[in-house]
Amino acid sequence: MCVDGRAGFLLGAVTPALPAASPSWWSVVLVVCLQLLPLSPVQATVCWSQVSSRVNTCLCASDIVSCTALGLEQVPAEIPVSAITLDLSHNRIDQLTEAVFEGLFRLEMVRLAHNRLREIQQGAFQNTSGALLRHLDLSSNRLRVLKQHYFLELSGLEELLLFDNRIVQVESRALAGLGNLRKAYLSHNRLTHFPFFSIQEHSHPHLTMLDLSSNRLLKLPLEEIGNLPVPVQEGLYLHNNSLECECSMYGLFRRWEQRGYASVRHFRQEHTCRVYGIQRGTVRFFQHDRYFEKCNLTAMSPPLWEQESSISVGVGKALWLHCVTSLSGHSVSFLWVSPNQEYVAPPGNNGSLKMFTNGSLEIVAARAEDTGVYWCMALDQQQQRNETREVNVTVNVVSGSYESFNTGFTTLLGCVVSLVLVLMYLYLTPCRCPACTKVPTPAGQSTGNEAGAGSGQSSILTPTPPTTTEGQGHKVSTHKHVVFLEPLIEQQNGRLRAGPGAGAGQGHNGPGLLLGPEPHPKLHGQSQQRGRETDSIMSVFSETPIMLP
């Protein structure tokens, strides 16, 4: 083994077994180890958690120290100062004492999940990396209160994981010093309230996610939530809480749904509230909104019900328009005018527009013809006052999903058309020639003789050679050859005859086809079979064009 010079660290490089009678090998291996130690970028080591105990060991690889599932009851005293990532999860650590990470000036990630942490003493992160620490995982522990001194030294912290604890209180300044915080996870705790007022744009300019889901929040401070920075509102998760069903709460989530916030869009079914009255229980208020039909959403605080003057919506999606007015009271009535000059009063008309007594107008499923300017009129008959407001609605006909569907449909249609054209080319004849009149076969002439006599013509004009045999059981070769013929002069009795220039003693004109005078009737019977075989063989195996005089 190669042993590091620092006390308590053993390099995990095991040398192969060497013969005891070869001391020179040991010297060679020692020299190689000493030369490779300062050059090797990654060194796997075994670190003792205590100097005197070699039972609990940590695994060290380069700048990563892993001490998981070792049954540790406290943070090890001797940790390599070069550690950047320290994993102490799945142990029995119950507290972080003062300066417990002292000397670890390069720490960027600390994982303490699945321990028994109950307390973090003041100054636990003193004399450490401080602003360099970016990730702190304290999930699945037993913390009950987040005190303001817990994270004072961690000004550079970006991710804080505190889910699955027993937290019932977060002090107002517990997160005050975390100016670079981007994501904070506090779900699955026992929170009944949260200091939203401590989250400001100047104090947490980079915060984009605050997960408070699966807690015990009873009522939301609407004014504090309305004053949160817009990125924080977009990433504020409040589903699976014990919220009471109120018009203000319903209006808040409806507003977030209309704006398309991910916290509502991704967990729409998990947003519930408790109903008191007819039956004590929970209601998924995005599915059963009839409980809030009589809510006056315009009575909420201005940061929540403020209505933009121009809104865009996709085809088929629902859209809520709020009649924002300063008039209030039971004597106030509302009226909407659609772009096609149609008056809309509660409860709505023709199923496409729904209007509520609180002045809100719902476009059930947006269509292209719903684009235009909507006018809202509020009339206070008691004070003889009225107010109007206009909202410009744009319905986007072509959405991302529609475009992708069009592209896929066009591609599929192109493939089908191409396949049809290929099938037509393979199986359908473009044009058919008129039926050719066959030369009548004289009486007494057998079909076999006719085929034998015209074998030269059939073997050229048909793709398959004639199935004649050269002898007993031997078929003629089926190789195909292209040949060229001069126009034939005459055909008589199924035999091809040459023109007048063919001499009687001429056996054949050119290589590849037998042409000659009509044989004598007496010799016809003897030479008919031999001539048929010769014609077939020469016409099939000819490699040169046939030239006729």
Foldseek 3Di string as FASTA:
>chain_A
DAQDPDQFKGFPDDDDDDDPPCVVVVVVVNVVSVVCVVVDQWTWIWGALERPDDQQIWIDIRQAIERAQRQDQAHRQDDDLSHAEYEHEHYAHAEQDACSVASNQNHAEYAHAHYAHAYYDANSCPNYVQLNHAYYAHDQYAYAEQDQRRNQSHQNYAEYHHDNYAYAYYDLNSCQSNQNYAEYAHAHYAYQDDNLQSAACRRHVRHQADEHEHYAHAEDPVVSLLRHDPSHNLRYAYFNYAYADDLQVVLQLVQSVQVPRPNCVVPLQRHWYFYPDPDTDIDSCVVVVPVNLAPQSLPYDVSRPPDDQEEEEEFFAKHKDAFHDPDDDPQKFKWKAAFVRDIAHPQGDDPQWGAGRSRMIMRRGDDQVRFAKMKMKIARVVVGDMDMGIHGYHYDHDDPVNVVVVVVVVVVVVVVVVVVVVCCVVPPDPDDDPDDDDDDQDPPDDPVLLCLQQQLVCLAPDQFHDFDAPDVPHTADGDHAHADDDDFDDADNNHGEADPPADQPDQDQDFQAGHHDDDDPVCCVVCSVVSSVVRRNSNGPDHYYGDGD
